[in-house]
């Protein structure tokens, strides 16, 4: 005959077993989510000098003490757009050294470019997480202001995952405009598409919810995306564009997710239209107000 005390112990052991099993499952889901969202690389594929123009390799601190690395490429001194700077928030893979073609294209448009690595990427230090990437972008924004750029002259550029970072930066800090290139509405939306057999919406803790932020932003927005994007569906860009306030521009790119410059002319055309929109928005009306 089994004693009552032994029955209670067995019950408690079973409860403990299931609790540990559930905790282990949740932990594995968290790790899986983190590893799917972030693909940082410490290896630098370039030095920045490959573009053959002046640049600064800089280190700066975030509000929570992480040391970040970035590359600043000044615009040509005779450029009529030298007062404008692009704060480049890159995607989830690689680091700042793997995107020289973007910097070159933006520099050819007459802009200054500041590309920085989030904590855990490249030479940047710190523990990688969603809020941390927001603090990183704010620190880069502050560095540009200290460099002499006014907030109203800073363009937040978000590539893929960087769209989630850039959109939150525009919510927290003053910017001239926002560029969303090949980005998603939110991580839960994208995760539910990529992993329909997992309870992504229920379990997701990483959000990067650009779609929810866009109605709060009252700055010019450029959305750029390709129908051939095999990772982030074109529908994400359509939803983001619909959620954004006027003034806004949509630019359809060519090429896969990792090759948005496949047809460079389309990319350049979109950037030029957006810059003209910014210039128009910055002009005062008859009452002296900025449009």
C-alpha atoms as a PDB file:
ATOM      1  CA  UNK A   1       0.000   0.000   0.000  1.00  0.00           C
ATOM      2  CA  UNK A   2       1.368   3.405  -1.037  1.00  0.00           C
ATOM      3  CA  UNK A   3       1.507   5.925   1.763  1.00  0.00           C
ATOM      4  CA  UNK A   4      -0.179   9.356   1.296  1.00  0.00           C
ATOM      5  CA  UNK A   5       3.167  11.106   1.770  1.00  0.00           C
ATOM      6  CA  UNK A   6       4.679   9.086  -1.089  1.00  0.00           C
ATOM      7  CA  UNK A   7       1.724   9.945  -3.338  1.00  0.00           C
ATOM      8  CA  UNK A   8       2.216  13.622  -2.587  1.00  0.00           C
ATOM      9  CA  UNK A   9       5.915  13.348  -3.424  1.00  0.00           C
ATOM     10  CA  UNK A  10       5.139  11.700  -6.752  1.00  0.00           C
ATOM     11  CA  UNK A  11       2.606  14.403  -7.565  1.00  0.00           C
ATOM     12  CA  UNK A  12       5.115  17.112  -6.759  1.00  0.00           C
ATOM     13  CA  UNK A  13       7.802  15.399  -8.815  1.00  0.00           C
ATOM     14  CA  UNK A  14       5.421  15.224 -11.759  1.00  0.00           C
ATOM     15  CA  UNK A  15       4.558  18.908 -11.373  1.00  0.00           C
ATOM     16  CA  UNK A  16       8.247  19.763 -11.176  1.00  0.00           C
ATOM     17  CA  UNK A  17       8.965  17.642 -14.233  1.00  0.00           C
ATOM     18  CA  UNK A  18       6.304  19.381 -16.330  1.00  0.00           C
ATOM     19  CA  UNK A  19       7.377  22.805 -15.109  1.00  0.00           C
ATOM     20  CA  UNK A  20      10.966  22.090 -16.101  1.00  0.00           C
ATOM     21  CA  UNK A  21       9.813  20.735 -19.445  1.00  0.00           C
ATOM     22  CA  UNK A  22       7.720  23.832 -20.145  1.00  0.00           C
ATOM     23  CA  UNK A  23      10.526  26.159 -19.042  1.00  0.00           C
ATOM     24  CA  UNK A  24      12.962  24.292 -21.249  1.00  0.00           C
ATOM     25  CA  UNK A  25      10.590  24.552 -24.207  1.00  0.00           C
ATOM     26  CA  UNK A  26      10.103  28.283 -23.666  1.00  0.00           C
ATOM     27  CA  UNK A  27      13.871  28.781 -23.346  1.00  0.00           C
ATOM     28  CA  UNK A  28      14.483  26.921 -26.599  1.00  0.00           C
ATOM     29  CA  UNK A  29      11.832  29.031 -28.351  1.00  0.00           C
ATOM     30  CA  UNK A  30      13.472  32.201 -27.045  1.00  0.00           C
ATOM     31  CA  UNK A  31      16.876  31.069 -28.296  1.00  0.00           C
ATOM     32  CA  UNK A  32      15.379  30.039 -31.623  1.00  0.00           C
ATOM     33  CA  UNK A  33      13.687  33.429 -31.991  1.00  0.00           C
ATOM     34  CA  UNK A  34      16.864  35.323 -31.140  1.00  0.00           C
ATOM     35  CA  UNK A  35      18.955  33.260 -33.545  1.00  0.00           C
ATOM     36  CA  UNK A  36      16.443  33.747 -36.354  1.00  0.00           C
ATOM     37  CA  UNK A  37      16.247  37.518 -35.893  1.00  0.00           C
ATOM     38  CA  UNK A  38      19.963  38.260 -35.415  1.00  0.00           C
ATOM     39  CA  UNK A  39      22.866  36.966 -37.505  1.00  0.00           C
ATOM     40  CA  UNK A  40      25.797  39.133 -36.384  1.00  0.00           C
ATOM     41  CA  UNK A  41      29.279  38.762 -37.790  1.00  0.00           C
ATOM     42  CA  UNK A  42      32.462  39.874 -36.049  1.00  0.00           C
ATOM     43  CA  UNK A  43      34.548  39.460 -39.187  1.00  0.00           C
ATOM     44  CA  UNK A  44      35.130  42.683 -41.105  1.00  0.00           C
ATOM     45  CA  UNK A  45      35.094  42.163 -44.879  1.00  0.00           C
ATOM     46  CA  UNK A  46      36.299  45.696 -45.642  1.00  0.00           C
ATOM     47  CA  UNK A  47      38.057  48.609 -43.985  1.00  0.00           C
ATOM     48  CA  UNK A  48      35.961  51.454 -45.415  1.00  0.00           C
ATOM     49  CA  UNK A  49      38.873  52.768 -47.462  1.00  0.00           C
ATOM     50  CA  UNK A  50      37.716  50.739 -50.469  1.00  0.00           C
ATOM     51  CA  UNK A  51      35.430  53.569 -51.589  1.00  0.00           C
ATOM     52  CA  UNK A  52      38.479  55.776 -52.161  1.00  0.00           C
ATOM     53  CA  UNK A  53      37.145  58.791 -50.310  1.00  0.00           C
ATOM     54  CA  UNK A  54      37.629  60.428 -46.895  1.00  0.00           C
ATOM     55  CA  UNK A  55      35.967  58.692 -43.949  1.00  0.00           C
ATOM     56  CA  UNK A  56      36.218  58.371 -40.206  1.00  0.00           C
ATOM     57  CA  UNK A  57      36.350  55.115 -38.270  1.00  0.00           C
ATOM     58  CA  UNK A  58      34.737  56.138 -34.988  1.00  0.00           C
ATOM     59  CA  UNK A  59      33.844  54.640 -31.623  1.00  0.00           C
ATOM     60  CA  UNK A  60      31.107  56.046 -29.404  1.00  0.00           C
ATOM     61  CA  UNK A  61      29.116  55.073 -26.334  1.00  0.00           C
ATOM     62  CA  UNK A  62      25.428  54.289 -25.841  1.00  0.00           C
ATOM     63  CA  UNK A  63      23.402  55.545 -22.847  1.00  0.00           C
ATOM     64  CA  UNK A  64      23.830  52.141 -21.165  1.00  0.00           C
ATOM     65  CA  UNK A  65      27.600  52.076 -21.692  1.00  0.00           C
ATOM     66  CA  UNK A  66      28.071  49.866 -24.767  1.00  0.00           C
ATOM     67  CA  UNK A  67      30.894  50.937 -27.085  1.00  0.00           C
ATOM     68  CA  UNK A  68      29.886  50.980 -30.754  1.00  0.00           C
ATOM     69  CA  UNK A  69      31.819  51.287 -33.988  1.00  0.00           C
ATOM     70  CA  UNK A  70      30.757  53.261 -37.046  1.00  0.00           C
ATOM     71  CA  UNK A  71      32.008  54.677 -40.322  1.00  0.00           C
ATOM     72  CA  UNK A  72      31.287  58.277 -41.273  1.00  0.00           C
ATOM     73  CA  UNK A  73      31.624  59.281 -44.913  1.00  0.00           C
ATOM     74  CA  UNK A  74      31.249  63.057 -45.427  1.00  0.00           C
ATOM     75  CA  UNK A  75      29.533  64.373 -48.527  1.00  0.00           C
ATOM     76  CA  UNK A  76      31.573  66.216 -51.099  1.00  0.00           C
ATOM     77  CA  UNK A  77      32.135  69.752 -49.834  1.00  0.00           C
ATOM     78  CA  UNK A  78      30.581  71.253 -52.973  1.00  0.00           C
ATOM     79  CA  UNK A  79      27.417  69.149 -52.706  1.00  0.00           C
ATOM     80  CA  UNK A  80      24.187  71.168 -52.285  1.00  0.00           C
ATOM     81  CA  UNK A  81      23.044  68.341 -50.009  1.00  0.00           C
ATOM     82  CA  UNK A  82      26.086  68.340 -47.747  1.00  0.00           C
ATOM     83  CA  UNK A  83      23.887  69.457 -44.852  1.00  0.00           C
ATOM     84  CA  UNK A  84      21.977  66.152 -45.056  1.00  0.00           C
ATOM     85  CA  UNK A  85      23.250  62.925 -43.504  1.00  0.00           C
ATOM     86  CA  UNK A  86      21.922  59.383 -43.766  1.00  0.00           C
ATOM     87  CA  UNK A  87      21.990  57.357 -40.572  1.00  0.00           C
ATOM     88  CA  UNK A  88      22.232  53.834 -41.985  1.00  0.00           C
ATOM     89  CA  UNK A  89      20.616  51.081 -39.873  1.00  0.00           C
ATOM     90  CA  UNK A  90      21.648  47.821 -41.506  1.00  0.00           C
ATOM     91  CA  UNK A  91      19.935  44.444 -41.677  1.00  0.00           C
ATOM     92  CA  UNK A  92      20.261  41.425 -39.411  1.00  0.00           C
ATOM     93  CA  UNK A  93      23.285  39.760 -41.062  1.00  0.00           C
ATOM     94  CA  UNK A  94      26.911  40.755 -41.494  1.00  0.00           C
ATOM     95  CA  UNK A  95      27.962  44.224 -40.315  1.00  0.00           C
ATOM     96  CA  UNK A  96      28.847  47.664 -41.685  1.00  0.00           C
ATOM     97  CA  UNK A  97      31.662  46.225 -43.803  1.00  0.00           C
ATOM     98  CA  UNK A  98      29.286  44.269 -46.069  1.00  0.00           C
ATOM     99  CA  UNK A  99      27.282  47.204 -47.447  1.00  0.00           C
ATOM    100  CA  UNK A 100      29.755  49.424 -49.290  1.00  0.00           C
ATOM    101  CA  UNK A 101      27.574  49.508 -52.408  1.00  0.00           C
ATOM    102  CA  UNK A 102      24.781  51.191 -50.439  1.00  0.00           C
ATOM    103  CA  UNK A 103      27.110  53.821 -49.003  1.00  0.00           C
ATOM    104  CA  UNK A 104      28.597  54.527 -52.419  1.00  0.00           C
ATOM    105  CA  UNK A 105      25.161  55.032 -53.993  1.00  0.00           C
ATOM    106  CA  UNK A 106      24.006  57.368 -51.222  1.00  0.00           C
ATOM    107  CA  UNK A 107      27.264  59.319 -51.361  1.00  0.00           C
ATOM    108  CA  UNK A 108      26.845  59.768 -55.109  1.00  0.00           C
ATOM    109  CA  UNK A 109      23.489  61.403 -54.324  1.00  0.00           C
ATOM    110  CA  UNK A 110      25.443  64.111 -52.492  1.00  0.00           C
ATOM    111  CA  UNK A 111      24.701  62.946 -48.935  1.00  0.00           C
ATOM    112  CA  UNK A 112      26.878  62.235 -45.934  1.00  0.00           C
ATOM    113  CA  UNK A 113      26.552  58.670 -44.624  1.00  0.00           C
ATOM    114  CA  UNK A 114      27.002  57.343 -41.108  1.00  0.00           C
ATOM    115  CA  UNK A 115      26.814  53.548 -40.870  1.00  0.00           C
ATOM    116  CA  UNK A 116      27.108  51.963 -37.446  1.00  0.00           C
ATOM    117  CA  UNK A 117      27.107  48.453 -36.044  1.00  0.00           C
ATOM    118  CA  UNK A 118      24.610  47.418 -33.403  1.00  0.00           C
ATOM    119  CA  UNK A 119      26.008  45.931 -30.218  1.00  0.00           C
ATOM    120  CA  UNK A 120      27.339  42.454 -30.915  1.00  0.00           C
ATOM    121  CA  UNK A 121      28.056  43.204 -34.574  1.00  0.00           C
ATOM    122  CA  UNK A 122      31.495  43.876 -36.020  1.00  0.00           C
ATOM    123  CA  UNK A 123      33.626  45.776 -33.506  1.00  0.00           C
ATOM    124  CA  UNK A 124      30.674  46.976 -31.422  1.00  0.00           C
ATOM    125  CA  UNK A 125      30.401  45.657 -27.881  1.00  0.00           C
ATOM    126  CA  UNK A 126      27.426  44.800 -25.688  1.00  0.00           C
ATOM    127  CA  UNK A 127      24.625  42.254 -25.401  1.00  0.00           C
ATOM    128  CA  UNK A 128      22.340  42.148 -28.432  1.00  0.00           C
ATOM    129  CA  UNK A 129      18.610  42.702 -27.891  1.00  0.00           C
ATOM    130  CA  UNK A 130      15.772  44.787 -29.331  1.00  0.00           C
ATOM    131  CA  UNK A 131      15.890  47.690 -26.900  1.00  0.00           C
ATOM    132  CA  UNK A 132      19.666  47.712 -27.175  1.00  0.00           C
ATOM    133  CA  UNK A 133      19.491  48.283 -30.926  1.00  0.00           C
ATOM    134  CA  UNK A 134      17.183  51.251 -30.331  1.00  0.00           C
ATOM    135  CA  UNK A 135      19.669  52.741 -27.877  1.00  0.00           C
ATOM    136  CA  UNK A 136      22.436  52.126 -30.421  1.00  0.00           C
ATOM    137  CA  UNK A 137      20.580  54.113 -33.085  1.00  0.00           C
ATOM    138  CA  UNK A 138      19.956  56.937 -30.636  1.00  0.00           C
ATOM    139  CA  UNK A 139      23.659  57.024 -29.770  1.00  0.00           C
ATOM    140  CA  UNK A 140      24.519  57.217 -33.493  1.00  0.00           C
ATOM    141  CA  UNK A 141      21.964  59.999 -33.877  1.00  0.00           C
ATOM    142  CA  UNK A 142      23.589  61.888 -31.000  1.00  0.00           C
ATOM    143  CA  UNK A 143      27.042  61.405 -32.577  1.00  0.00           C
ATOM    144  CA  UNK A 144      25.830  63.014 -35.804  1.00  0.00           C
ATOM    145  CA  UNK A 145      24.313  65.931 -33.913  1.00  0.00           C
ATOM    146  CA  UNK A 146      27.601  66.455 -32.098  1.00  0.00           C
ATOM    147  CA  UNK A 147      29.255  66.334 -35.513  1.00  0.00           C
ATOM    148  CA  UNK A 148      27.187  69.392 -36.427  1.00  0.00           C
ATOM    149  CA  UNK A 149      24.125  67.947 -38.160  1.00  0.00           C
ATOM    150  CA  UNK A 150      20.753  69.209 -36.972  1.00  0.00           C
ATOM    151  CA  UNK A 151      18.122  66.588 -36.262  1.00  0.00           C
ATOM    152  CA  UNK A 152      15.949  68.053 -39.026  1.00  0.00           C
ATOM    153  CA  UNK A 153      18.734  67.182 -41.507  1.00  0.00           C
ATOM    154  CA  UNK A 154      19.141  63.528 -40.546  1.00  0.00           C
ATOM    155  CA  UNK A 155      17.568  60.792 -42.676  1.00  0.00           C
ATOM    156  CA  UNK A 156      16.972  57.457 -40.948  1.00  0.00           C
ATOM    157  CA  UNK A 157      17.615  54.601 -43.365  1.00  0.00           C
ATOM    158  CA  UNK A 158      16.381  51.131 -42.395  1.00  0.00           C
ATOM    159  CA  UNK A 159      17.491  48.109 -44.395  1.00  0.00           C
ATOM    160  CA  UNK A 160      15.434  44.968 -43.646  1.00  0.00           C
ATOM    161  CA  UNK A 161      15.681  44.523 -39.845  1.00  0.00           C
ATOM    162  CA  UNK A 162      17.057  48.054 -39.744  1.00  0.00           C
ATOM    163  CA  UNK A 163      13.618  49.316 -40.716  1.00  0.00           C
ATOM    164  CA  UNK A 164      12.386  48.362 -37.272  1.00  0.00           C
ATOM    165  CA  UNK A 165      15.313  50.224 -35.710  1.00  0.00           C
ATOM    166  CA  UNK A 166      15.007  53.293 -37.939  1.00  0.00           C
ATOM    167  CA  UNK A 167      11.252  53.659 -37.441  1.00  0.00           C
ATOM    168  CA  UNK A 168      11.660  53.615 -33.666  1.00  0.00           C
ATOM    169  CA  UNK A 169      14.505  56.126 -33.925  1.00  0.00           C
ATOM    170  CA  UNK A 170      12.162  58.496 -35.780  1.00  0.00           C
ATOM    171  CA  UNK A 171       9.635  58.081 -32.982  1.00  0.00           C
ATOM    172  CA  UNK A 172      12.205  58.925 -30.300  1.00  0.00           C
ATOM    173  CA  UNK A 173      14.360  61.550 -32.031  1.00  0.00           C
ATOM    174  CA  UNK A 174      13.956  64.362 -34.558  1.00  0.00           C
ATOM    175  CA  UNK A 175      14.686  63.296 -38.129  1.00  0.00           C
ATOM    176  CA  UNK A 176      14.087  64.743 -41.590  1.00  0.00           C
ATOM    177  CA  UNK A 177      12.607  61.553 -43.022  1.00  0.00           C
ATOM    178  CA  UNK A 178      12.536  57.769 -43.009  1.00  0.00           C
ATOM    179  CA  UNK A 179      13.587  55.273 -45.680  1.00  0.00           C
ATOM    180  CA  UNK A 180      12.330  51.690 -45.325  1.00  0.00           C
ATOM    181  CA  UNK A 181      14.120  49.339 -47.694  1.00  0.00           C
ATOM    182  CA  UNK A 182      13.124  45.666 -47.953  1.00  0.00           C
ATOM    183  CA  UNK A 183      11.668  45.677 -44.468  1.00  0.00           C
ATOM    184  CA  UNK A 184       8.768  43.929 -42.718  1.00  0.00           C
ATOM    185  CA  UNK A 185       5.676  45.102 -40.879  1.00  0.00           C
ATOM    186  CA  UNK A 186       6.788  43.369 -37.650  1.00  0.00           C
ATOM    187  CA  UNK A 187       8.777  40.353 -36.510  1.00  0.00           C
ATOM    188  CA  UNK A 188       5.648  38.457 -35.318  1.00  0.00           C
ATOM    189  CA  UNK A 189       4.033  38.989 -38.745  1.00  0.00           C
ATOM    190  CA  UNK A 190       7.113  37.749 -40.571  1.00  0.00           C
ATOM    191  CA  UNK A 191       7.720  34.891 -38.151  1.00  0.00           C
ATOM    192  CA  UNK A 192       4.155  33.636 -38.520  1.00  0.00           C
ATOM    193  CA  UNK A 193       4.706  33.466 -42.299  1.00  0.00           C
ATOM    194  CA  UNK A 194       8.077  31.732 -42.126  1.00  0.00           C
ATOM    195  CA  UNK A 195       7.175  29.318 -39.305  1.00  0.00           C
ATOM    196  CA  UNK A 196       3.402  28.728 -39.484  1.00  0.00           C
ATOM    197  CA  UNK A 197       3.670  25.592 -37.310  1.00  0.00           C
ATOM    198  CA  UNK A 198       4.982  27.573 -34.324  1.00  0.00           C
ATOM    199  CA  UNK A 199       2.944  29.817 -31.957  1.00  0.00           C
ATOM    200  CA  UNK A 200       4.972  32.829 -33.081  1.00  0.00           C
ATOM    201  CA  UNK A 201       2.449  35.557 -32.306  1.00  0.00           C
ATOM    202  CA  UNK A 202       1.825  34.136 -28.843  1.00  0.00           C
ATOM    203  CA  UNK A 203       5.455  33.548 -27.922  1.00  0.00           C
ATOM    204  CA  UNK A 204       7.300  36.353 -29.721  1.00  0.00           C
ATOM    205  CA  UNK A 205       9.098  38.846 -27.498  1.00  0.00           C
ATOM    206  CA  UNK A 206      11.040  40.574 -30.279  1.00  0.00           C
ATOM    207  CA  UNK A 207       8.646  42.943 -32.056  1.00  0.00           C
ATOM    208  CA  UNK A 208      10.262  45.634 -34.254  1.00  0.00           C
ATOM    209  CA  UNK A 209       6.710  46.720 -35.038  1.00  0.00           C
ATOM    210  CA  UNK A 210       7.259  49.314 -37.759  1.00  0.00           C
ATOM    211  CA  UNK A 211       3.683  49.035 -39.010  1.00  0.00           C
ATOM    212  CA  UNK A 212       2.301  50.165 -35.641  1.00  0.00           C
ATOM    213  CA  UNK A 213       4.718  53.125 -35.453  1.00  0.00           C
ATOM    214  CA  UNK A 214       4.217  54.585 -38.905  1.00  0.00           C
ATOM    215  CA  UNK A 215       0.873  56.286 -38.114  1.00  0.00           C
ATOM    216  CA  UNK A 216       2.678  58.125 -35.281  1.00  0.00           C
ATOM    217  CA  UNK A 217       5.314  59.606 -37.604  1.00  0.00           C
ATOM    218  CA  UNK A 218       4.720  62.882 -39.417  1.00  0.00           C
ATOM    219  CA  UNK A 219       7.783  63.037 -41.633  1.00  0.00           C
ATOM    220  CA  UNK A 220       8.341  62.108 -45.293  1.00  0.00           C
ATOM    221  CA  UNK A 221       8.602  58.335 -45.803  1.00  0.00           C
ATOM    222  CA  UNK A 222      10.100  56.329 -48.654  1.00  0.00           C
ATOM    223  CA  UNK A 223       9.213  52.628 -48.910  1.00  0.00           C
ATOM    224  CA  UNK A 224      11.397  50.526 -51.224  1.00  0.00           C
ATOM    225  CA  UNK A 225      10.821  46.847 -51.954  1.00  0.00           C
ATOM    226  CA  UNK A 226      11.116  44.230 -54.681  1.00  0.00           C
ATOM    227  CA  UNK A 227       8.423  41.773 -55.744  1.00  0.00           C
ATOM    228  CA  UNK A 228      11.231  39.234 -56.133  1.00  0.00           C
ATOM    229  CA  UNK A 229      12.136  39.429 -52.436  1.00  0.00           C
ATOM    230  CA  UNK A 230      12.107  35.779 -51.365  1.00  0.00           C
ATOM    231  CA  UNK A 231      12.453  36.460 -47.646  1.00  0.00           C
ATOM    232  CA  UNK A 232      10.186  39.395 -46.813  1.00  0.00           C
ATOM    233  CA  UNK A 233       7.092  39.422 -48.986  1.00  0.00           C
ATOM    234  CA  UNK A 234       6.104  42.457 -51.046  1.00  0.00           C
ATOM    235  CA  UNK A 235       2.849  42.665 -49.065  1.00  0.00           C
ATOM    236  CA  UNK A 236       4.808  43.884 -46.023  1.00  0.00           C
ATOM    237  CA  UNK A 237       5.896  46.999 -47.894  1.00  0.00           C
ATOM    238  CA  UNK A 238       2.373  47.610 -49.174  1.00  0.00           C
ATOM    239  CA  UNK A 239       1.000  47.465 -45.632  1.00  0.00           C
ATOM    240  CA  UNK A 240       3.733  49.744 -44.323  1.00  0.00           C
ATOM    241  CA  UNK A 241       3.124  52.241 -47.099  1.00  0.00           C
ATOM    242  CA  UNK A 242      -0.615  52.255 -46.394  1.00  0.00           C
ATOM    243  CA  UNK A 243       0.044  52.897 -42.689  1.00  0.00           C
ATOM    244  CA  UNK A 244       2.453  55.808 -43.302  1.00  0.00           C
ATOM    245  CA  UNK A 245       1.250  59.401 -43.281  1.00  0.00           C
ATOM    246  CA  UNK A 246       1.678  61.737 -46.214  1.00  0.00           C
ATOM    247  CA  UNK A 247       3.989  62.816 -47.702  1.00  0.00           C
ATOM    248  CA  UNK A 248       5.220  59.399 -48.818  1.00  0.00           C
ATOM    249  CA  UNK A 249       6.691  57.674 -51.874  1.00  0.00           C
ATOM    250  CA  UNK A 250       6.734  54.029 -52.945  1.00  0.00           C
ATOM    251  CA  UNK A 251       9.626  52.728 -55.048  1.00  0.00           C
ATOM    252  CA  UNK A 252       9.498  49.228 -56.520  1.00  0.00           C
ATOM    253  CA  UNK A 253      12.972  47.709 -56.681  1.00  0.00           C
ATOM    254  CA  UNK A 254      14.300  44.787 -58.714  1.00  0.00           C
ATOM    255  CA  UNK A 255      16.213  41.805 -57.367  1.00  0.00           C
ATOM    256  CA  UNK A 256      16.156  39.451 -54.405  1.00  0.00           C
ATOM    257  CA  UNK A 257      16.188  40.456 -50.751  1.00  0.00           C
ATOM    258  CA  UNK A 258      19.979  40.579 -50.631  1.00  0.00           C
ATOM    259  CA  UNK A 259      20.320  42.264 -54.014  1.00  0.00           C
ATOM    260  CA  UNK A 260      18.114  45.393 -53.999  1.00  0.00           C
ATOM    261  CA  UNK A 261      20.680  47.175 -56.146  1.00  0.00           C
ATOM    262  CA  UNK A 262      20.246  44.592 -58.896  1.00  0.00           C
ATOM    263  CA  UNK A 263      18.766  47.332 -61.044  1.00  0.00           C
ATOM    264  CA  UNK A 264      20.607  50.309 -59.635  1.00  0.00           C
ATOM    265  CA  UNK A 265      18.713  52.872 -61.700  1.00  0.00           C
ATOM    266  CA  UNK A 266      15.456  52.035 -59.891  1.00  0.00           C
ATOM    267  CA  UNK A 267      17.125  52.460 -56.521  1.00  0.00           C
ATOM    268  CA  UNK A 268      18.716  55.772 -57.472  1.00  0.00           C
ATOM    269  CA  UNK A 269      15.447  57.025 -58.926  1.00  0.00           C
ATOM    270  CA  UNK A 270      13.638  56.309 -55.659  1.00  0.00           C
ATOM    271  CA  UNK A 271      16.296  58.065 -53.583  1.00  0.00           C
ATOM    272  CA  UNK A 272      16.254  61.125 -55.854  1.00  0.00           C
ATOM    273  CA  UNK A 273      12.460  61.422 -55.704  1.00  0.00           C
ATOM    274  CA  UNK A 274      12.609  61.187 -51.933  1.00  0.00           C
ATOM    275  CA  UNK A 275      15.309  63.838 -51.630  1.00  0.00           C
ATOM    276  CA  UNK A 276      13.266  66.198 -53.785  1.00  0.00           C
ATOM    277  CA  UNK A 277      10.284  65.504 -51.535  1.00  0.00           C
ATOM    278  CA  UNK A 278      12.415  66.384 -48.500  1.00  0.00           C
ATOM    279  CA  UNK A 279      13.549  69.601 -50.144  1.00  0.00           C
ATOM    280  CA  UNK A 280       9.960  70.523 -50.932  1.00  0.00           C
ATOM    281  CA  UNK A 281       8.801  69.672 -47.396  1.00  0.00           C
ATOM    282  CA  UNK A 282      11.540  71.892 -45.950  1.00  0.00           C
ATOM    283  CA  UNK A 283      10.448  74.951 -47.923  1.00  0.00           C
ATOM    284  CA  UNK A 284       8.468  77.542 -45.950  1.00  0.00           C
ATOM    285  CA  UNK A 285       4.976  78.398 -47.123  1.00  0.00           C
ATOM    286  CA  UNK A 286       3.562  81.923 -47.516  1.00  0.00           C
ATOM    287  CA  UNK A 287       3.042  82.158 -43.772  1.00  0.00           C
ATOM    288  CA  UNK A 288       6.654  81.219 -43.089  1.00  0.00           C
ATOM    289  CA  UNK A 289       5.834  77.701 -41.886  1.00  0.00           C
ATOM    290  CA  UNK A 290       7.761  74.637 -42.984  1.00  0.00           C
ATOM    291  CA  UNK A 291       5.629  72.446 -45.219  1.00  0.00           C
END
